[in-house]
Protein backbone atom coordinates (compact mmCIF):
# COMPACT_ATOMS: atom_id res chain seq x y z
CA UNK A 1 0.00 0.00 0.00
CA UNK A 2 2.56 2.54 -1.10
CA UNK A 3 -0.10 5.13 -1.91
CA UNK A 4 -1.12 5.37 1.77
CA UNK A 5 0.60 7.20 4.56
CA UNK A 6 2.81 4.70 6.40
CA UNK A 7 0.96 5.22 9.71
CA UNK A 8 -2.39 4.50 8.09
CA UNK A 9 -1.00 1.47 6.26
CA UNK A 10 0.38 0.12 9.54
CA UNK A 11 -2.98 0.57 11.30
CA UNK A 12 -4.78 -1.19 8.46
CA UNK A 13 -2.34 -4.10 8.60
CA UNK A 14 -2.82 -4.42 12.37
CA UNK A 15 -6.59 -4.38 12.01
CA UNK A 16 -6.46 -6.98 9.23
CA UNK A 17 -4.31 -9.26 11.39
CA UNK A 18 -6.77 -8.90 14.27
CA UNK A 19 -9.71 -9.63 11.97
CA UNK A 20 -7.96 -12.69 10.53
CA UNK A 21 -7.47 -14.06 14.04
CA UNK A 22 -11.23 -13.91 14.59
CA UNK A 23 -12.06 -15.87 11.44
CA UNK A 24 -14.32 -17.56 10.73
CA UNK A 25 -16.77 -14.94 11.90
CA UNK A 26 -20.13 -16.10 13.21
CA UNK A 27 -22.96 -15.80 10.67
CA UNK A 28 -24.73 -13.29 12.93
CA UNK A 29 -21.66 -11.03 12.95
CA UNK A 30 -21.35 -11.20 9.15
CA UNK A 31 -25.04 -10.30 8.81
CA UNK A 32 -24.65 -7.29 11.12
CA UNK A 33 -21.61 -6.10 9.17
CA UNK A 34 -23.45 -6.47 5.86
CA UNK A 35 -26.45 -4.54 7.18
CA UNK A 36 -24.27 -1.76 8.56
CA UNK A 37 -22.28 -1.47 5.35
CA UNK A 38 -25.49 -1.36 3.30
CA UNK A 39 -26.75 1.54 5.45
CA UNK A 40 -23.46 3.42 5.23
CA UNK A 41 -23.24 2.95 1.46
CA UNK A 42 -26.86 4.05 1.02
CA UNK A 43 -26.95 7.07 3.31
CA UNK A 44 -23.27 7.88 3.86
CA UNK A 45 -22.97 9.96 0.69
CA UNK A 46 -25.87 12.16 1.85
CA UNK A 47 -24.21 13.09 5.12
CA UNK A 48 -20.94 13.92 3.33
CA UNK A 49 -22.69 16.42 1.06
CA UNK A 50 -24.20 18.25 4.03
CA UNK A 51 -20.90 18.68 5.84
PDB file of N, CA and C in Angstrom:
ATOM      1  N   UNK A   1       0.832  -1.186   0.000  1.00  0.00           N
ATOM      2  CA  UNK A   1       0.000   0.000   0.000  1.00  0.00           C
ATOM      3  C   UNK A   1       0.873   1.245   0.000  1.00  0.00           C
ATOM      4  N   UNK A   2       1.623   1.433  -1.021  1.00  0.00           N
ATOM      5  CA  UNK A   2       2.562   2.544  -1.098  1.00  0.00           C
ATOM      6  C   UNK A   2       1.864   3.885  -1.260  1.00  0.00           C
ATOM      7  N   UNK A   3       0.623   3.886  -1.701  1.00  0.00           N
ATOM      8  CA  UNK A   3      -0.100   5.128  -1.905  1.00  0.00           C
ATOM      9  C   UNK A   3      -0.691   5.688  -0.611  1.00  0.00           C
ATOM     10  N   UNK A   4      -0.617   4.924   0.476  1.00  0.00           N
ATOM     11  CA  UNK A   4      -1.116   5.375   1.768  1.00  0.00           C
ATOM     12  C   UNK A   4       0.023   5.876   2.645  1.00  0.00           C
ATOM     13  N   UNK A   5      -0.330   6.767   3.537  1.00  0.00           N
ATOM     14  CA  UNK A   5       0.604   7.202   4.561  1.00  0.00           C
ATOM     15  C   UNK A   5       1.041   5.968   5.357  1.00  0.00           C
ATOM     16  N   UNK A   6       2.287   5.907   5.727  1.00  0.00           N
ATOM     17  CA  UNK A   6       2.813   4.702   6.398  1.00  0.00           C
ATOM     18  C   UNK A   6       2.095   4.413   7.717  1.00  0.00           C
ATOM     19  N   UNK A   7       1.681   5.443   8.448  1.00  0.00           N
ATOM     20  CA  UNK A   7       0.964   5.223   9.711  1.00  0.00           C
ATOM     21  C   UNK A   7      -0.400   4.589   9.454  1.00  0.00           C
ATOM     22  N   UNK A   8      -1.081   5.053   8.420  1.00  0.00           N
ATOM     23  CA  UNK A   8      -2.392   4.500   8.090  1.00  0.00           C
ATOM     24  C   UNK A   8      -2.231   3.063   7.596  1.00  0.00           C
ATOM     25  N   UNK A   9      -1.244   2.822   6.763  1.00  0.00           N
ATOM     26  CA  UNK A   9      -0.997   1.475   6.257  1.00  0.00           C
ATOM     27  C   UNK A   9      -0.706   0.520   7.408  1.00  0.00           C
ATOM     28  N   UNK A  10       0.053   0.965   8.379  1.00  0.00           N
ATOM     29  CA  UNK A  10       0.378   0.120   9.540  1.00  0.00           C
ATOM     30  C   UNK A  10      -0.885  -0.202  10.343  1.00  0.00           C
ATOM     31  N   UNK A  11      -1.730   0.796  10.559  1.00  0.00           N
ATOM     32  CA  UNK A  11      -2.978   0.573  11.300  1.00  0.00           C
ATOM     33  C   UNK A  11      -3.882  -0.404  10.564  1.00  0.00           C
ATOM     34  N   UNK A  12      -3.965  -0.274   9.238  1.00  0.00           N
ATOM     35  CA  UNK A  12      -4.780  -1.193   8.455  1.00  0.00           C
ATOM     36  C   UNK A  12      -4.247  -2.621   8.549  1.00  0.00           C
ATOM     37  N   UNK A  13      -2.942  -2.769   8.477  1.00  0.00           N
ATOM     38  CA  UNK A  13      -2.341  -4.103   8.598  1.00  0.00           C
ATOM     39  C   UNK A  13      -2.640  -4.717   9.965  1.00  0.00           C
ATOM     40  N   UNK A  14      -2.540  -3.924  11.025  1.00  0.00           N
ATOM     41  CA  UNK A  14      -2.818  -4.418  12.371  1.00  0.00           C
ATOM     42  C   UNK A  14      -4.274  -4.841  12.498  1.00  0.00           C
ATOM     43  N   UNK A  15      -5.171  -4.040  11.939  1.00  0.00           N
ATOM     44  CA  UNK A  15      -6.594  -4.375  12.010  1.00  0.00           C
ATOM     45  C   UNK A  15      -6.898  -5.631  11.200  1.00  0.00           C
ATOM     46  N   UNK A  16      -6.261  -5.788  10.052  1.00  0.00           N
ATOM     47  CA  UNK A  16      -6.465  -6.975   9.231  1.00  0.00           C
ATOM     48  C   UNK A  16      -5.967  -8.215   9.970  1.00  0.00           C
ATOM     49  N   UNK A  17      -4.832  -8.121  10.620  1.00  0.00           N
ATOM     50  CA  UNK A  17      -4.312  -9.261  11.387  1.00  0.00           C
ATOM     51  C   UNK A  17      -5.279  -9.650  12.500  1.00  0.00           C
ATOM     52  N   UNK A  18      -5.819  -8.635  13.186  1.00  0.00           N
ATOM     53  CA  UNK A  18      -6.768  -8.902  14.266  1.00  0.00           C
ATOM     54  C   UNK A  18      -8.031  -9.565  13.712  1.00  0.00           C
ATOM     55  N   UNK A  19      -8.525  -9.053  12.599  1.00  0.00           N
ATOM     56  CA  UNK A  19      -9.710  -9.634  11.966  1.00  0.00           C
ATOM     57  C   UNK A  19      -9.449 -11.071  11.546  1.00  0.00           C
ATOM     58  N   UNK A  20      -8.304 -11.334  10.966  1.00  0.00           N
ATOM     59  CA  UNK A  20      -7.964 -12.690  10.526  1.00  0.00           C
ATOM     60  C   UNK A  20      -7.906 -13.670  11.692  1.00  0.00           C
ATOM     61  N   UNK A  21      -7.513 -13.187  12.868  1.00  0.00           N
ATOM     62  CA  UNK A  21      -7.466 -14.055  14.045  1.00  0.00           C
ATOM     63  C   UNK A  21      -8.868 -14.461  14.499  1.00  0.00           C
ATOM     64  N   UNK A  22      -9.853 -13.647  14.171  1.00  0.00           N
ATOM     65  CA  UNK A  22     -11.231 -13.913  14.593  1.00  0.00           C
ATOM     66  C   UNK A  22     -11.992 -14.797  13.603  1.00  0.00           C
ATOM     67  N   UNK A  23     -11.378 -15.063  12.470  1.00  0.00           N
ATOM     68  CA  UNK A  23     -12.056 -15.867  11.440  1.00  0.00           C
ATOM     69  C   UNK A  23     -12.152 -17.319  11.860  1.00  0.00           C
ATOM     70  N   UNK A  24     -13.154 -18.024  11.478  1.00  0.00           N
ATOM     71  CA  UNK A  24     -14.316 -17.557  10.733  1.00  0.00           C
ATOM     72  C   UNK A  24     -15.265 -16.801  11.659  1.00  0.00           C
ATOM     73  N   UNK A  25     -15.820 -15.734  11.128  1.00  0.00           N
ATOM     74  CA  UNK A  25     -16.768 -14.940  11.901  1.00  0.00           C
ATOM     75  C   UNK A  25     -18.101 -15.670  11.989  1.00  0.00           C
ATOM     76  N   UNK A  26     -18.793 -15.502  13.108  1.00  0.00           N
ATOM     77  CA  UNK A  26     -20.134 -16.104  13.208  1.00  0.00           C
ATOM     78  C   UNK A  26     -21.067 -15.495  12.153  1.00  0.00           C
ATOM     79  N   UNK A  27     -22.024 -16.283  11.688  1.00  0.00           N
ATOM     80  CA  UNK A  27     -22.958 -15.797  10.669  1.00  0.00           C
ATOM     81  C   UNK A  27     -23.686 -14.542  11.133  1.00  0.00           C
ATOM     82  N   UNK A  28     -24.009 -14.469  12.409  1.00  0.00           N
ATOM     83  CA  UNK A  28     -24.732 -13.292  12.928  1.00  0.00           C
ATOM     84  C   UNK A  28     -23.865 -12.041  12.826  1.00  0.00           C
ATOM     85  N   UNK A  29     -22.569 -12.173  13.047  1.00  0.00           N
ATOM     86  CA  UNK A  29     -21.661 -11.027  12.948  1.00  0.00           C
ATOM     87  C   UNK A  29     -21.526 -10.576  11.493  1.00  0.00           C
ATOM     88  N   UNK A  30     -21.447 -11.530  10.581  1.00  0.00           N
ATOM     89  CA  UNK A  30     -21.351 -11.197   9.154  1.00  0.00           C
ATOM     90  C   UNK A  30     -22.608 -10.470   8.713  1.00  0.00           C
ATOM     91  N   UNK A  31     -23.763 -10.933   9.164  1.00  0.00           N
ATOM     92  CA  UNK A  31     -25.040 -10.298   8.807  1.00  0.00           C
ATOM     93  C   UNK A  31     -25.085  -8.867   9.316  1.00  0.00           C
ATOM     94  N   UNK A  32     -24.662  -8.648  10.556  1.00  0.00           N
ATOM     95  CA  UNK A  32     -24.654  -7.290  11.115  1.00  0.00           C
ATOM     96  C   UNK A  32     -23.712  -6.381  10.330  1.00  0.00           C
ATOM     97  N   UNK A  33     -22.557  -6.891   9.960  1.00  0.00           N
ATOM     98  CA  UNK A  33     -21.610  -6.104   9.169  1.00  0.00           C
ATOM     99  C   UNK A  33     -22.188  -5.758   7.802  1.00  0.00           C
ATOM    100  N   UNK A  34     -22.841  -6.725   7.165  1.00  0.00           N
ATOM    101  CA  UNK A  34     -23.453  -6.470   5.860  1.00  0.00           C
ATOM    102  C   UNK A  34     -24.543  -5.410   5.967  1.00  0.00           C
ATOM    103  N   UNK A  35     -25.371  -5.521   6.991  1.00  0.00           N
ATOM    104  CA  UNK A  35     -26.446  -4.544   7.184  1.00  0.00           C
ATOM    105  C   UNK A  35     -25.888  -3.145   7.427  1.00  0.00           C
ATOM    106  N   UNK A  36     -24.865  -3.058   8.256  1.00  0.00           N
ATOM    107  CA  UNK A  36     -24.269  -1.759   8.559  1.00  0.00           C
ATOM    108  C   UNK A  36     -23.621  -1.149   7.316  1.00  0.00           C
ATOM    109  N   UNK A  37     -22.921  -1.955   6.562  1.00  0.00           N
ATOM    110  CA  UNK A  37     -22.283  -1.471   5.345  1.00  0.00           C
ATOM    111  C   UNK A  37     -23.327  -0.999   4.339  1.00  0.00           C
ATOM    112  N   UNK A  38     -24.420  -1.734   4.214  1.00  0.00           N
ATOM    113  CA  UNK A  38     -25.488  -1.358   3.303  1.00  0.00           C
ATOM    114  C   UNK A  38     -26.050   0.020   3.688  1.00  0.00           C
ATOM    115  N   UNK A  39     -26.247   0.247   4.975  1.00  0.00           N
ATOM    116  CA  UNK A  39     -26.748   1.541   5.449  1.00  0.00           C
ATOM    117  C   UNK A  39     -25.747   2.644   5.156  1.00  0.00           C
ATOM    118  N   UNK A  40     -24.483   2.398   5.456  1.00  0.00           N
ATOM    119  CA  UNK A  40     -23.458   3.421   5.225  1.00  0.00           C
ATOM    120  C   UNK A  40     -23.298   3.738   3.744  1.00  0.00           C
ATOM    121  N   UNK A  41     -23.387   2.720   2.901  1.00  0.00           N
ATOM    122  CA  UNK A  41     -23.240   2.949   1.462  1.00  0.00           C
ATOM    123  C   UNK A  41     -24.470   3.665   0.894  1.00  0.00           C
ATOM    124  N   UNK A  42     -25.626   3.428   1.496  1.00  0.00           N
ATOM    125  CA  UNK A  42     -26.857   4.053   1.016  1.00  0.00           C
ATOM    126  C   UNK A  42     -26.973   5.503   1.481  1.00  0.00           C
ATOM    127  N   UNK A  43     -26.715   5.745   2.751  1.00  0.00           N
ATOM    128  CA  UNK A  43     -26.945   7.070   3.314  1.00  0.00           C
ATOM    129  C   UNK A  43     -25.673   7.846   3.592  1.00  0.00           C
ATOM    130  N   UNK A  44     -24.528   7.210   3.541  1.00  0.00           N
ATOM    131  CA  UNK A  44     -23.268   7.882   3.861  1.00  0.00           C
ATOM    132  C   UNK A  44     -22.958   9.035   2.923  1.00  0.00           C
ATOM    133  N   UNK A  45     -23.269   8.888   1.647  1.00  0.00           N
ATOM    134  CA  UNK A  45     -22.974   9.956   0.694  1.00  0.00           C
ATOM    135  C   UNK A  45     -23.818  11.190   0.970  1.00  0.00           C
ATOM    136  N   UNK A  46     -25.005  11.030   1.534  1.00  0.00           N
ATOM    137  CA  UNK A  46     -25.873  12.164   1.849  1.00  0.00           C
ATOM    138  C   UNK A  46     -25.281  13.002   2.970  1.00  0.00           C
ATOM    139  N   UNK A  47     -24.778  12.344   3.982  1.00  0.00           N
ATOM    140  CA  UNK A  47     -24.207  13.088   5.118  1.00  0.00           C
ATOM    141  C   UNK A  47     -22.923  13.803   4.722  1.00  0.00           C
ATOM    142  N   UNK A  48     -22.163  13.268   3.774  1.00  0.00           N
ATOM    143  CA  UNK A  48     -20.944  13.918   3.334  1.00  0.00           C
ATOM    144  C   UNK A  48     -21.249  15.199   2.579  1.00  0.00           C
ATOM    145  N   UNK A  49     -22.326  15.233   1.822  1.00  0.00           N
ATOM    146  CA  UNK A  49     -22.687  16.424   1.057  1.00  0.00           C
ATOM    147  C   UNK A  49     -23.115  17.557   1.970  1.00  0.00           C
ATOM    148  N   UNK A  50     -23.716  17.225   3.100  1.00  0.00           N
ATOM    149  CA  UNK A  50     -24.201  18.252   4.033  1.00  0.00           C
ATOM    150  C   UNK A  50     -23.079  18.881   4.837  1.00  0.00           C
ATOM    151  N   UNK A  51     -22.000  18.174   5.014  1.00  0.00           N
ATOM    152  CA  UNK A  51     -20.896  18.681   5.844  1.00  0.00           C
ATOM    153  C   UNK A  51     -20.188  19.838   5.204  1.00  0.00           C
TER     154      UNK A  51
END
